[in-house]
Amino acid sequence: MNVFLVILLVCVGILLLVAELYLLPGFGVAGIGGFSSLVGGVCLAYYRISTMAGHITLILSIVLTVLAIYLFYRSRAIEKMALDTTIDGSVGLADPGKKIKELEKEAEEMDKH
């Protein structure tokens, strides 16, 4: 039962940290929960199973967290989530005085009718 709980805590911690880094803005509840879950899984492995299991859990959780972040980054999932637009159009610079003169001319023509 303890081994299953350690594995569950480490997996949940990694998922929450990846979600915090890429899906949720800021360092919030998911990041704190993910970090706490990882620390809890490692501590549980040290205290309830054995020191060797704690060392293995610590090393595996660090390696798996780095690997999960790297794989998520390389999967191009960020490109699908991020806004990536470019503006191709251009606006010609207009002479403001010319526009006012045209409006005055139109107003004069309207007054004549």
C-alpha atoms as a PDB file:
ATOM      1  CA  MET A   1       0.000   0.000   0.000  1.00  0.00           C
ATOM      2  CA  ASN A   2       2.818   2.403   0.832  1.00  0.00           C
ATOM      3  CA  VAL A   3       4.544   1.810  -2.507  1.00  0.00           C
ATOM      4  CA  PHE A   4       1.326   2.532  -4.391  1.00  0.00           C
ATOM      5  CA  LEU A   5       0.816   5.741  -2.419  1.00  0.00           C
ATOM      6  CA  VAL A   6       4.391   6.879  -3.124  1.00  0.00           C
ATOM      7  CA  ILE A   7       3.967   6.224  -6.854  1.00  0.00           C
ATOM      8  CA  LEU A   8       0.627   8.018  -6.861  1.00  0.00           C
ATOM      9  CA  LEU A   9       2.002  11.068  -5.051  1.00  0.00           C
ATOM     10  CA  VAL A  10       5.004  11.348  -7.365  1.00  0.00           C
ATOM     11  CA  CYS A  11       2.858  10.994 -10.515  1.00  0.00           C
ATOM     12  CA  VAL A  12       0.309  13.543  -9.304  1.00  0.00           C
ATOM     13  CA  GLY A  13       3.124  15.899  -8.326  1.00  0.00           C
ATOM     14  CA  ILE A  14       4.728  15.695 -11.770  1.00  0.00           C
ATOM     15  CA  LEU A  15       1.391  16.237 -13.517  1.00  0.00           C
ATOM     16  CA  LEU A  16       0.572  19.246 -11.379  1.00  0.00           C
ATOM     17  CA  LEU A  17       3.992  20.820 -11.933  1.00  0.00           C
ATOM     18  CA  VAL A  18       3.758  20.358 -15.710  1.00  0.00           C
ATOM     19  CA  ALA A  19       0.242  21.796 -15.666  1.00  0.00           C
ATOM     20  CA  GLU A  20       1.443  24.765 -13.637  1.00  0.00           C
ATOM     21  CA  LEU A  21       4.346  25.460 -15.969  1.00  0.00           C
ATOM     22  CA  TYR A  22       2.480  25.207 -19.257  1.00  0.00           C
ATOM     23  CA  LEU A  23      -1.257  25.483 -18.695  1.00  0.00           C
ATOM     24  CA  LEU A  24      -1.881  27.696 -15.689  1.00  0.00           C
ATOM     25  CA  PRO A  25      -0.391  31.159 -15.360  1.00  0.00           C
ATOM     26  CA  GLY A  26       1.742  32.096 -12.385  1.00  0.00           C
ATOM     27  CA  PHE A  27       2.913  30.064  -9.430  1.00  0.00           C
ATOM     28  CA  GLY A  28      -0.339  29.059  -7.823  1.00  0.00           C
ATOM     29  CA  VAL A  29      -2.215  26.230  -6.244  1.00  0.00           C
ATOM     30  CA  ALA A  30      -1.195  23.616  -8.823  1.00  0.00           C
ATOM     31  CA  GLY A  31       2.509  24.413  -8.452  1.00  0.00           C
ATOM     32  CA  ILE A  32       2.415  24.372  -4.680  1.00  0.00           C
ATOM     33  CA  GLY A  33       0.305  21.210  -4.734  1.00  0.00           C
ATOM     34  CA  GLY A  34       2.649  19.506  -7.189  1.00  0.00           C
ATOM     35  CA  PHE A  35       5.747  20.390  -5.193  1.00  0.00           C
ATOM     36  CA  SER A  36       4.073  19.303  -1.956  1.00  0.00           C
ATOM     37  CA  SER A  37       2.981  16.051  -3.526  1.00  0.00           C
ATOM     38  CA  LEU A  38       6.512  15.289  -4.725  1.00  0.00           C
ATOM     39  CA  VAL A  39       8.001  16.106  -1.330  1.00  0.00           C
ATOM     40  CA  GLY A  40       5.306  14.037   0.385  1.00  0.00           C
ATOM     41  CA  GLY A  41       5.985  11.047  -1.859  1.00  0.00           C
ATOM     42  CA  VAL A  42       9.718  11.204  -1.200  1.00  0.00           C
ATOM     43  CA  CYS A  43       9.239  11.642   2.565  1.00  0.00           C
ATOM     44  CA  LEU A  44       6.770   8.774   2.653  1.00  0.00           C
ATOM     45  CA  ALA A  45       9.258   6.549   0.842  1.00  0.00           C
ATOM     46  CA  TYR A  46      11.982   7.444   3.350  1.00  0.00           C
ATOM     47  CA  TYR A  47       9.879   6.979   6.480  1.00  0.00           C
ATOM     48  CA  ARG A  48       7.503   4.149   5.585  1.00  0.00           C
ATOM     49  CA  ILE A  49       9.514   1.938   3.220  1.00  0.00           C
ATOM     50  CA  SER A  50      13.298   2.345   3.615  1.00  0.00           C
ATOM     51  CA  THR A  51      16.177   4.733   3.159  1.00  0.00           C
ATOM     52  CA  MET A  52      17.162   3.047  -0.109  1.00  0.00           C
ATOM     53  CA  ALA A  53      13.602   3.411  -1.405  1.00  0.00           C
ATOM     54  CA  GLY A  54      13.705   7.074  -0.408  1.00  0.00           C
ATOM     55  CA  HIS A  55      16.925   7.625  -2.350  1.00  0.00           C
ATOM     56  CA  ILE A  56      15.496   5.858  -5.393  1.00  0.00           C
ATOM     57  CA  THR A  57      12.251   7.830  -5.159  1.00  0.00           C
ATOM     58  CA  LEU A  58      14.118  11.115  -4.832  1.00  0.00           C
ATOM     59  CA  ILE A  59      16.330  10.448  -7.840  1.00  0.00           C
ATOM     60  CA  LEU A  60      13.475   9.089  -9.952  1.00  0.00           C
ATOM     61  CA  SER A  61      11.171  11.990  -9.102  1.00  0.00           C
ATOM     62  CA  ILE A  62      13.828  14.538 -10.122  1.00  0.00           C
ATOM     63  CA  VAL A  63      14.658  12.688 -13.339  1.00  0.00           C
ATOM     64  CA  LEU A  64      11.008  12.089 -14.239  1.00  0.00           C
ATOM     65  CA  THR A  65      10.047  15.706 -13.540  1.00  0.00           C
ATOM     66  CA  VAL A  66      12.825  17.037 -15.758  1.00  0.00           C
ATOM     67  CA  LEU A  67      11.991  14.441 -18.430  1.00  0.00           C
ATOM     68  CA  ALA A  68       8.271  15.274 -18.346  1.00  0.00           C
ATOM     69  CA  ILE A  69       8.947  18.991 -18.699  1.00  0.00           C
ATOM     70  CA  TYR A  70      11.418  18.372 -21.539  1.00  0.00           C
ATOM     71  CA  LEU A  71       9.069  16.013 -23.410  1.00  0.00           C
ATOM     72  CA  PHE A  72       6.125  18.354 -23.023  1.00  0.00           C
ATOM     73  CA  TYR A  73       8.232  21.204 -24.349  1.00  0.00           C
ATOM     74  CA  ARG A  74       9.469  19.127 -27.305  1.00  0.00           C
ATOM     75  CA  SER A  75       5.988  17.827 -28.165  1.00  0.00           C
ATOM     76  CA  ARG A  76       5.062  21.171 -29.705  1.00  0.00           C
ATOM     77  CA  ALA A  77       1.951  21.255 -27.537  1.00  0.00           C
ATOM     78  CA  ILE A  78       2.883  24.792 -26.549  1.00  0.00           C
ATOM     79  CA  GLU A  79       2.539  25.945 -30.157  1.00  0.00           C
ATOM     80  CA  LYS A  80      -1.037  24.670 -30.221  1.00  0.00           C
ATOM     81  CA  MET A  81      -1.869  26.484 -26.984  1.00  0.00           C
ATOM     82  CA  ALA A  82      -0.012  29.742 -27.552  1.00  0.00           C
ATOM     83  CA  LEU A  83      -1.224  32.647 -29.617  1.00  0.00           C
ATOM     84  CA  ASP A  84       1.135  32.987 -32.555  1.00  0.00           C
ATOM     85  CA  THR A  85      -0.083  35.528 -35.071  1.00  0.00           C
ATOM     86  CA  THR A  86       1.729  37.889 -37.334  1.00  0.00           C
ATOM     87  CA  ILE A  87       0.367  41.039 -38.905  1.00  0.00           C
ATOM     88  CA  ASP A  88       1.111  41.084 -42.608  1.00  0.00           C
ATOM     89  CA  GLY A  89      -0.861  44.172 -43.589  1.00  0.00           C
ATOM     90  CA  SER A  90       0.430  47.687 -43.620  1.00  0.00           C
ATOM     91  CA  VAL A  91      -1.253  51.043 -43.323  1.00  0.00           C
ATOM     92  CA  GLY A  92      -0.158  53.872 -45.540  1.00  0.00           C
ATOM     93  CA  LEU A  93       0.513  57.100 -43.713  1.00  0.00           C
ATOM     94  CA  ALA A  94      -2.199  59.628 -44.473  1.00  0.00           C
ATOM     95  CA  ASP A  95      -1.964  63.383 -44.370  1.00  0.00           C
ATOM     96  CA  PRO A  96      -4.399  64.492 -41.661  1.00  0.00           C
ATOM     97  CA  GLY A  97      -4.737  67.896 -43.241  1.00  0.00           C
ATOM     98  CA  LYS A  98      -5.807  66.343 -46.543  1.00  0.00           C
ATOM     99  CA  LYS A  99      -8.537  64.353 -44.820  1.00  0.00           C
ATOM    100  CA  ILE A 100      -9.888  67.482 -43.095  1.00  0.00           C
ATOM    101  CA  LYS A 101      -9.919  69.399 -46.383  1.00  0.00           C
ATOM    102  CA  GLU A 102     -11.866  66.580 -48.049  1.00  0.00           C
ATOM    103  CA  LEU A 103     -14.401  66.580 -45.213  1.00  0.00           C
ATOM    104  CA  GLU A 104     -14.784  70.360 -45.449  1.00  0.00           C
ATOM    105  CA  LYS A 105     -15.302  70.086 -49.194  1.00  0.00           C
ATOM    106  CA  GLU A 106     -17.976  67.398 -48.706  1.00  0.00           C
ATOM    107  CA  ALA A 107     -19.694  69.556 -46.082  1.00  0.00           C
ATOM    108  CA  GLU A 108     -19.746  72.536 -48.429  1.00  0.00           C
ATOM    109  CA  GLU A 109     -21.235  70.413 -51.213  1.00  0.00           C
ATOM    110  CA  MET A 110     -23.915  69.156 -48.849  1.00  0.00           C
ATOM    111  CA  ASP A 111     -24.727  72.734 -47.800  1.00  0.00           C
ATOM    112  CA  LYS A 112     -25.199  73.751 -51.480  1.00  0.00           C
ATOM    113  CA  HIS A 113     -27.929  71.150 -51.982  1.00  0.00           C
END
